[in-house]
Amino acid sequence: MSTAYHMARRFPERRIVLLEAKRLANGASGRNGGLMLNWVNGVEPGDPVRAKTIFDATKEGIDIVEGIIRDHHLNVRWRRDGSLHVHTRAAGAELAQQEVEALNAVGVPLRYLNEGQLADTLRMKGALAAVLDPTAGHLDGVSFIRELAPVLTGLGVTIYENSPVLSITEGAECQLLTPSGTVRAKAIVLATNASTPWLGYFRDQIFPLHAPVISPEPLDPAAWEKRGWTPKVAGFDDDLDRIAYGCMTTRGELVFGGGLNAAYGYRYGGKTSWNEPVDFEAVRNRLLQYMPDAADVKIAHQWTGPVALTWNRICAMGVRGDANNVYYALGYSGHGVTLANLAGRVLCDLYSGSDERWRGLPFFRGPMAWMPPEPLRYIGYHFVTRMTGKSPRKRGVKH
């Protein structure tokens, strides 16, 4: 959707077709946790000036979302009043304070909150400190994508729902086979993220991990404040390997996920469908470990969806193929709300040959880390997670 939007505005004479396997927002756009976060997962903080370059790039992704909503007067549930990265370990909290000071010196507007300051915003049992990013926020992907659809059609984009791509034949003119017919195009964009390996691409680089989330019954902000979550902040994530995260709408709707092995699952072969029992109660118990005062709140909704991880957690945006006409952006590793929206502008710039400002960023045309094939991948994942409680990964890069 993002790529189609930017392409249609920059190249109104081009015919743009969007093929959606099911219904718009049925996939990751409507199943994620809703956090609009900065940074690129897998890239460790290094030189502050370099870090600011990465921060500015991802912040542009959030700026794009806000700009589209405001410019087109979209009726979307969203908020942009900050998100917290919570620290539960003393060593990490101390290091975070030093990093915030270094980043503040180069203009990155983060704020370090000690335990007392954090409690004024979010009372979380076991939390020692947090870093507040005031430029982050929350986005309801379903309302955003479906409100954006008529904007795209108004720009001349043709949208076909219930039109899964069954196969792709590359060439100077690519052919995409669907149940209803064949689409021929001089350039295509793989915007399928966790499902991309099923089209024959990135089979040894993408790791579809299923993540169940829960949403308690809505409460008014005053009721949530009594239970520990004030209206001051949109969301949080923590410092655990099995990341716990949550976000709150302005209407008192909470989405929570992660925090333990039961909150993540891998199916043999990287299958993106999930037909096995899900321990949603374990996810709820993890929420209550952080917010015990919410024990009386009942779960209203629960669902699961695939997250596209890479081996080192760094996403990739680029172009490939013998004809150099297969564009891709994928492997967001938990930061897809921001990065998928940024990817549309990046790919549009790459297509038009005006991609200079993206060069050198960790996600731009970089090599994707190789991961072991099946059955080693399946066996290794379950062995490591059960023995250590951590997800297997190749160490990220330092920038």
Protein backbone atom coordinates (compact mmCIF):
# COMPACT_ATOMS: atom_id res chain seq x y z
CA MET A 1 0.00 0.00 0.00
CA SER A 2 2.82 2.39 0.88
CA THR A 3 4.74 1.69 -2.32
CA ALA A 4 1.59 2.05 -4.42
CA TYR A 5 0.83 5.38 -2.75
CA HIS A 6 4.24 6.90 -3.39
CA MET A 7 4.53 5.47 -6.91
CA ALA A 8 1.09 6.73 -7.93
CA ARG A 9 1.88 10.24 -6.73
CA ARG A 10 5.30 10.39 -8.37
CA PHE A 11 4.41 8.50 -11.58
CA PRO A 12 0.72 9.15 -12.24
CA GLU A 13 1.10 7.94 -15.84
CA ARG A 14 2.09 4.41 -14.76
CA ARG A 15 -0.50 1.69 -14.30
CA ILE A 16 -0.18 0.28 -10.77
CA VAL A 17 -1.93 -2.93 -9.71
CA LEU A 18 -2.06 -4.21 -6.15
CA LEU A 19 -2.72 -7.94 -5.66
CA GLU A 20 -3.99 -8.86 -2.18
CA ALA A 21 -4.29 -12.55 -1.30
CA LYS A 22 -7.27 -12.06 0.99
CA ARG A 23 -8.70 -8.76 2.19
CA LEU A 24 -6.71 -5.60 2.79
CA ALA A 25 -5.19 -5.60 6.30
CA ASN A 26 -6.01 -9.28 6.83
CA GLY A 27 -2.31 -10.05 7.18
CA ALA A 28 0.37 -8.45 9.34
CA SER A 29 -1.14 -4.97 8.90
CA GLY A 30 -4.14 -6.03 10.97
CA ARG A 31 -2.48 -8.52 13.32
CA ASN A 32 0.48 -6.63 14.74
CA GLY A 33 0.85 -5.05 18.16
CA GLY A 34 0.33 -1.54 16.80
CA LEU A 35 3.57 0.10 17.96
CA MET A 36 5.15 2.69 15.66
CA LEU A 37 8.77 2.46 16.78
CA ASN A 38 12.04 4.00 15.73
CA TRP A 39 15.34 2.22 15.09
CA VAL A 40 16.12 -0.90 13.07
CA ASN A 41 15.95 -4.12 15.03
CA GLY A 42 19.29 -5.96 15.00
CA VAL A 43 21.38 -2.80 14.72
CA GLU A 44 23.20 -2.09 17.96
CA PRO A 45 23.84 1.51 19.08
CA GLY A 46 27.31 2.68 18.20
CA ASP A 47 28.57 6.06 17.09
CA PRO A 48 25.94 8.63 18.16
CA VAL A 49 26.11 10.54 14.87
CA ARG A 50 25.56 7.34 12.93
CA ALA A 51 22.76 6.38 15.31
CA LYS A 52 21.03 9.69 14.65
CA THR A 53 21.09 8.96 10.91
CA ILE A 54 19.24 5.69 11.53
CA PHE A 55 16.83 7.34 13.96
CA ASP A 56 16.04 10.12 11.48
CA ALA A 57 15.34 7.57 8.74
CA THR A 58 12.89 5.56 10.82
CA LYS A 59 11.30 8.70 12.22
CA GLU A 60 10.55 9.62 8.62
CA GLY A 61 8.49 6.43 8.39
CA ILE A 62 6.32 7.60 11.30
CA ASP A 63 6.17 11.11 9.81
CA ILE A 64 4.89 9.57 6.57
CA VAL A 65 2.02 7.84 8.40
CA GLU A 66 1.06 11.02 10.22
CA GLY A 67 1.30 13.07 7.04
CA ILE A 68 -0.95 10.72 5.06
CA ILE A 69 -3.56 10.65 7.83
CA ARG A 70 -3.63 14.43 8.12
CA ASP A 71 -3.37 15.25 4.39
CA HIS A 72 -6.21 12.92 3.43
CA HIS A 73 -8.29 13.38 6.59
CA LEU A 74 -8.38 9.65 7.26
CA ASN A 75 -10.56 8.34 10.07
CA VAL A 76 -7.83 6.30 11.75
CA ARG A 77 -7.20 5.31 15.34
CA TRP A 78 -3.68 6.45 16.12
CA ARG A 79 -1.68 8.43 18.61
CA ARG A 80 1.84 9.77 18.70
CA ASP A 81 2.71 10.70 22.26
CA GLY A 82 5.60 8.36 22.88
CA SER A 83 6.60 4.80 23.63
CA LEU A 84 8.78 3.37 26.40
CA HIS A 85 11.63 0.88 26.20
CA VAL A 86 11.55 -0.61 29.70
CA HIS A 87 14.61 -1.97 31.48
CA THR A 88 14.28 -4.77 34.03
CA ARG A 89 18.00 -5.23 34.70
CA ALA A 90 20.23 -2.79 36.55
CA ALA A 91 23.20 -3.07 34.19
CA GLY A 92 21.02 -2.37 31.16
CA ALA A 93 19.34 0.58 32.87
CA GLU A 94 22.69 2.17 33.70
CA LEU A 95 23.97 1.69 30.15
CA ALA A 96 20.73 3.13 28.76
CA GLN A 97 21.19 6.32 30.74
CA GLN A 98 24.65 6.79 29.26
CA GLU A 99 23.38 6.11 25.74
CA VAL A 100 20.55 8.60 26.11
CA GLU A 101 22.99 11.30 27.19
CA ALA A 102 25.20 10.60 24.16
CA LEU A 103 22.23 10.61 21.78
CA ASN A 104 20.78 13.79 23.28
CA ALA A 105 24.09 15.49 22.50
CA VAL A 106 23.56 14.89 18.75
CA GLY A 107 19.87 15.81 18.74
CA VAL A 108 18.03 12.52 19.26
CA PRO A 109 15.12 13.52 21.55
CA LEU A 110 15.03 10.56 23.94
CA ARG A 111 14.43 10.88 27.67
CA TYR A 112 15.69 8.60 30.42
CA LEU A 113 13.19 7.83 33.19
CA ASN A 114 14.36 6.43 36.51
CA GLU A 115 12.15 4.06 38.49
CA GLY A 116 10.19 6.85 40.18
CA GLN A 117 9.66 8.81 36.97
CA LEU A 118 8.56 5.66 35.15
CA ALA A 119 5.97 4.92 37.83
CA ASP A 120 4.31 8.25 37.07
CA THR A 121 3.72 7.04 33.52
CA LEU A 122 3.51 3.25 33.65
CA ARG A 123 3.55 1.17 36.83
CA MET A 124 5.21 -2.10 35.88
CA LYS A 125 6.33 -4.58 38.49
CA GLY A 126 10.04 -5.28 38.12
CA ALA A 127 10.76 -2.28 35.90
CA LEU A 128 13.83 -0.30 37.00
CA ALA A 129 13.96 2.41 34.34
CA ALA A 130 12.85 3.23 30.83
CA VAL A 131 13.79 5.26 27.78
CA LEU A 132 10.96 7.40 26.43
CA ASP A 133 10.85 8.11 22.70
CA PRO A 134 8.34 10.97 22.34
CA THR A 135 8.25 10.62 18.54
CA ALA A 136 6.93 7.03 18.62
CA GLY A 137 3.31 5.99 18.97
CA HIS A 138 0.48 3.62 18.08
CA LEU A 139 -1.35 2.90 14.81
CA ASP A 140 -4.41 0.75 14.17
CA GLY A 141 -3.27 -0.87 10.95
CA VAL A 142 -6.71 -2.08 9.89
CA SER A 143 -8.31 1.35 9.91
CA PHE A 144 -5.24 2.92 8.30
CA ILE A 145 -5.01 0.45 5.41
CA ARG A 146 -8.72 0.39 4.67
CA GLU A 147 -9.04 4.17 4.87
CA LEU A 148 -6.06 4.46 2.52
CA ALA A 149 -7.64 2.17 -0.09
CA PRO A 150 -10.00 4.77 -1.63
CA VAL A 151 -7.13 7.26 -1.67
CA LEU A 152 -5.14 4.82 -3.79
CA THR A 153 -8.01 4.13 -6.17
CA GLY A 154 -8.47 7.88 -6.50
CA LEU A 155 -4.83 8.07 -7.58
CA GLY A 156 -5.50 5.45 -10.26
CA VAL A 157 -4.28 2.32 -8.45
CA THR A 158 -6.26 -0.86 -9.18
CA ILE A 159 -6.73 -3.09 -6.14
CA TYR A 160 -7.66 -6.76 -6.49
CA GLU A 161 -8.59 -8.46 -3.22
CA ASN A 162 -8.94 -12.25 -2.89
CA SER A 163 -6.28 -12.56 -5.58
CA PRO A 164 -3.34 -14.58 -4.24
CA VAL A 165 -0.25 -14.75 -6.41
CA LEU A 166 0.37 -18.45 -7.07
CA SER A 167 3.63 -18.13 -8.97
CA ILE A 168 5.98 -15.53 -10.47
CA THR A 169 7.87 -15.86 -13.73
CA GLU A 170 10.66 -13.32 -13.96
CA GLY A 171 11.88 -11.57 -17.07
CA ALA A 172 11.93 -8.17 -18.73
CA GLU A 173 8.19 -8.52 -18.24
CA CYS A 174 7.26 -10.46 -15.11
CA GLN A 175 4.19 -12.70 -15.10
CA LEU A 176 2.18 -13.19 -11.91
CA LEU A 177 -0.31 -16.05 -11.95
CA THR A 178 -3.50 -15.66 -9.88
CA PRO A 179 -6.61 -17.91 -9.75
CA SER A 180 -8.46 -15.41 -11.95
CA GLY A 181 -5.80 -14.58 -14.50
CA THR A 182 -2.25 -13.47 -15.19
CA VAL A 183 -0.80 -10.01 -14.55
CA ARG A 184 2.14 -8.86 -16.65
CA ALA A 185 4.33 -6.07 -15.32
CA LYS A 186 7.68 -4.49 -16.13
CA ALA A 187 8.45 -4.25 -12.41
CA ILE A 188 7.00 -5.93 -9.33
CA VAL A 189 7.22 -5.38 -5.58
CA LEU A 190 7.35 -8.27 -3.11
CA ALA A 191 5.38 -6.84 -0.18
CA THR A 192 4.56 -10.22 1.32
CA ASN A 193 6.96 -10.24 4.29
CA ALA A 194 6.50 -13.52 6.23
CA SER A 195 4.84 -15.20 3.23
CA THR A 196 7.64 -14.30 0.79
CA PRO A 197 9.40 -17.72 0.94
CA TRP A 198 6.22 -19.37 -0.37
CA LEU A 199 6.70 -17.41 -3.59
CA GLY A 200 10.20 -18.88 -3.92
CA TYR A 201 12.16 -15.92 -2.57
CA PHE A 202 14.42 -15.57 0.49
CA ARG A 203 13.74 -19.11 1.70
CA ASP A 204 17.03 -19.18 3.61
CA GLN A 205 16.75 -15.64 4.99
CA ILE A 206 13.19 -15.24 6.31
CA PHE A 207 12.00 -16.87 9.53
CA PRO A 208 8.19 -16.68 10.02
CA LEU A 209 7.51 -16.67 13.76
CA HIS A 210 3.93 -16.75 15.05
CA ALA A 211 3.09 -14.27 17.80
CA PRO A 212 -0.20 -14.49 19.74
CA VAL A 213 -1.56 -11.30 21.28
CA ILE A 214 -4.44 -10.49 23.59
CA SER A 215 -6.69 -7.49 23.97
CA PRO A 216 -8.56 -7.03 27.27
CA GLU A 217 -12.00 -5.45 27.37
CA PRO A 218 -11.78 -1.67 26.91
CA LEU A 219 -11.70 0.53 30.00
CA ASP A 220 -11.79 4.30 30.20
CA PRO A 221 -8.38 5.95 30.74
CA ALA A 222 -9.13 6.67 34.42
CA ALA A 223 -9.82 2.97 35.04
CA TRP A 224 -6.56 1.97 33.35
CA GLU A 225 -4.68 4.58 35.34
CA LYS A 226 -5.84 2.91 38.56
CA ARG A 227 -4.39 -0.34 37.22
CA GLY A 228 -1.05 1.21 36.29
CA TRP A 229 -1.26 2.66 32.76
CA THR A 230 -1.67 6.43 32.57
CA PRO A 231 -2.84 8.22 29.40
CA LYS A 232 0.61 9.80 29.01
CA VAL A 233 2.15 7.15 26.76
CA ALA A 234 1.01 5.03 23.81
CA GLY A 235 3.03 1.87 24.39
CA PHE A 236 6.05 0.00 25.69
CA ASP A 237 8.41 -2.86 24.96
CA ASP A 238 10.92 -4.42 27.34
CA ASP A 239 14.54 -5.58 27.36
CA LEU A 240 13.89 -9.33 27.41
CA ASP A 241 14.96 -11.62 24.60
CA ARG A 242 11.35 -12.82 24.29
CA ILE A 243 10.17 -9.23 24.06
CA ALA A 244 6.97 -8.24 25.84
CA TYR A 245 5.12 -5.27 24.35
CA GLY A 246 1.86 -3.43 24.67
CA CYS A 247 0.05 -0.41 23.33
CA MET A 248 -3.02 1.55 24.40
CA THR A 249 -5.47 3.44 22.22
CA THR A 250 -6.94 6.72 23.37
CA ARG A 251 -10.22 4.82 23.86
CA GLY A 252 -8.71 2.49 26.46
CA GLU A 253 -8.14 -0.53 24.22
CA LEU A 254 -5.00 -2.45 25.19
CA VAL A 255 -3.06 -4.89 23.01
CA PHE A 256 -0.39 -7.02 24.68
CA GLY A 257 1.92 -9.77 23.49
CA GLY A 258 5.23 -11.52 24.01
CA GLY A 259 7.23 -12.02 27.18
CA LEU A 260 7.79 -15.80 27.15
CA ASN A 261 8.29 -18.81 24.88
CA ALA A 262 4.55 -19.49 24.70
CA ALA A 263 4.12 -16.08 23.04
CA TYR A 264 6.18 -17.11 20.01
CA GLY A 265 5.99 -20.22 17.88
CA TYR A 266 7.65 -21.69 14.79
CA ARG A 267 6.06 -24.27 12.48
CA TYR A 268 8.14 -26.70 10.49
CA GLY A 269 9.01 -25.33 7.08
CA GLY A 270 8.14 -21.79 8.06
CA LYS A 271 4.41 -22.25 7.55
CA THR A 272 2.54 -18.98 7.94
CA SER A 273 -0.79 -20.53 8.93
CA TRP A 274 -1.32 -21.60 12.54
CA ASN A 275 -3.68 -24.44 13.42
CA GLU A 276 -2.18 -25.56 16.73
CA PRO A 277 -3.42 -24.74 20.25
CA VAL A 278 -2.26 -21.33 21.47
CA ASP A 279 -1.61 -20.66 25.16
CA PHE A 280 -3.27 -17.26 25.35
CA GLU A 281 -3.62 -17.68 29.11
CA ALA A 282 0.18 -17.72 29.44
CA VAL A 283 0.31 -14.39 27.59
CA ARG A 284 -2.33 -12.98 29.94
CA ASN A 285 -0.35 -14.20 32.96
CA ARG A 286 2.73 -12.44 31.61
CA LEU A 287 0.74 -9.21 31.41
CA LEU A 288 -0.38 -9.67 35.01
CA GLN A 289 3.21 -10.19 36.15
CA TYR A 290 3.87 -6.66 34.97
CA MET A 291 0.48 -5.22 35.91
CA PRO A 292 -1.05 -7.32 38.71
CA ASP A 293 -3.74 -4.72 39.36
CA ALA A 294 -5.30 -5.63 35.99
CA ALA A 295 -6.26 -9.14 37.17
CA ASP A 296 -9.96 -8.25 37.10
CA VAL A 297 -9.92 -7.25 33.43
CA LYS A 298 -11.30 -9.91 31.10
CA ILE A 299 -9.83 -10.74 27.71
CA ALA A 300 -12.10 -9.53 24.90
CA HIS A 301 -10.07 -10.60 21.84
CA GLN A 302 -7.13 -12.84 21.06
CA TRP A 303 -5.40 -13.72 17.81
CA THR A 304 -2.10 -14.70 16.27
CA GLY A 305 -0.14 -13.77 13.16
CA PRO A 306 3.30 -14.34 11.63
CA VAL A 307 6.23 -12.01 12.24
CA ALA A 308 8.98 -12.06 9.58
CA LEU A 309 12.35 -12.32 11.30
CA THR A 310 15.78 -12.37 9.75
CA TRP A 311 18.70 -14.26 11.27
CA ASN A 312 20.30 -11.05 12.54
CA ARG A 313 16.94 -9.19 12.84
CA ILE A 314 17.95 -6.56 10.24
CA CYS A 315 15.34 -5.95 7.55
CA ALA A 316 16.17 -5.54 3.86
CA MET A 317 14.93 -3.24 1.10
CA GLY A 318 16.28 -3.52 -2.41
CA VAL A 319 15.93 -4.90 -5.93
CA ARG A 320 16.97 -8.20 -7.48
CA GLY A 321 16.46 -10.41 -10.55
CA ASP A 322 18.24 -10.77 -13.88
CA ALA A 323 16.25 -7.83 -15.23
CA ASN A 324 16.74 -5.84 -12.01
CA ASN A 325 12.98 -5.36 -11.68
CA VAL A 326 11.94 -7.40 -8.62
CA TYR A 327 11.75 -4.97 -5.72
CA TYR A 328 11.40 -6.13 -2.13
CA ALA A 329 11.12 -4.92 1.44
CA LEU A 330 10.80 -7.50 4.18
CA GLY A 331 12.10 -9.01 7.43
CA TYR A 332 11.06 -6.12 9.65
CA SER A 333 11.55 -8.28 12.77
CA GLY A 334 8.95 -6.54 14.91
CA HIS A 335 9.30 -2.98 13.61
CA GLY A 336 7.04 -3.41 10.60
CA VAL A 337 4.50 -0.68 11.36
CA THR A 338 7.18 1.96 10.86
CA LEU A 339 9.47 0.23 8.39
CA ALA A 340 6.77 -1.04 6.00
CA ASN A 341 5.47 2.52 5.64
CA LEU A 342 9.00 3.83 5.15
CA ALA A 343 9.69 1.09 2.60
CA GLY A 344 7.21 2.56 0.14
CA ARG A 345 9.23 5.75 -0.14
CA VAL A 346 12.54 3.88 -0.21
CA LEU A 347 11.44 1.56 -3.03
CA CYS A 348 9.93 4.43 -4.97
CA ASP A 349 13.25 6.29 -4.73
CA LEU A 350 15.13 3.14 -5.75
CA TYR A 351 12.83 2.65 -8.75
CA SER A 352 13.29 6.25 -9.84
CA GLY A 353 17.07 6.23 -9.37
CA SER A 354 16.99 8.86 -6.63
CA ASP A 355 18.05 6.64 -3.75
CA GLU A 356 21.25 8.43 -2.71
CA ARG A 357 20.06 9.37 0.77
CA TRP A 358 19.28 5.77 1.69
CA ARG A 359 22.64 4.37 0.69
CA GLY A 360 24.71 3.17 3.60
CA LEU A 361 21.73 2.62 5.90
CA PRO A 362 21.68 -0.91 7.35
CA PHE A 363 18.44 -1.95 5.64
CA PHE A 364 19.24 -0.64 2.16
CA ARG A 365 20.38 -3.25 -0.36
CA GLY A 366 22.40 -5.05 2.29
CA PRO A 367 23.08 -8.80 2.21
CA MET A 368 20.57 -10.81 4.20
CA ALA A 369 22.04 -13.23 6.71
CA TRP A 370 21.76 -16.92 5.78
CA MET A 371 20.08 -19.28 8.24
CA PRO A 372 20.22 -23.09 8.47
CA PRO A 373 17.79 -25.10 6.31
CA GLU A 374 15.17 -27.54 7.58
CA PRO A 375 15.17 -29.73 9.59
CA LEU A 376 18.09 -28.03 11.36
CA ARG A 377 16.14 -24.79 11.58
CA TYR A 378 13.12 -26.37 13.26
CA ILE A 379 15.18 -28.56 15.61
CA GLY A 380 17.56 -25.72 16.48
CA TYR A 381 14.80 -23.24 17.18
CA HIS A 382 12.90 -25.49 19.57
CA PHE A 383 16.06 -26.79 21.26
CA VAL A 384 17.45 -23.31 21.93
CA THR A 385 14.16 -21.80 23.09
CA ARG A 386 13.41 -24.66 25.48
CA MET A 387 16.92 -24.77 26.91
CA THR A 388 17.56 -21.03 27.20
CA GLY A 389 14.22 -19.25 26.85
CA LYS A 390 15.81 -17.19 24.07
CA SER A 391 15.25 -17.06 20.35
CA PRO A 392 18.21 -18.28 18.25
CA ARG A 393 19.80 -15.51 16.26
CA LYS A 394 23.00 -14.30 14.69
CA ARG A 395 24.39 -11.31 16.53
CA GLY A 396 23.40 -7.97 14.98
CA VAL A 397 25.84 -5.44 13.63
CA LYS A 398 27.18 -2.38 15.40
CA HIS A 399 26.68 1.00 13.71
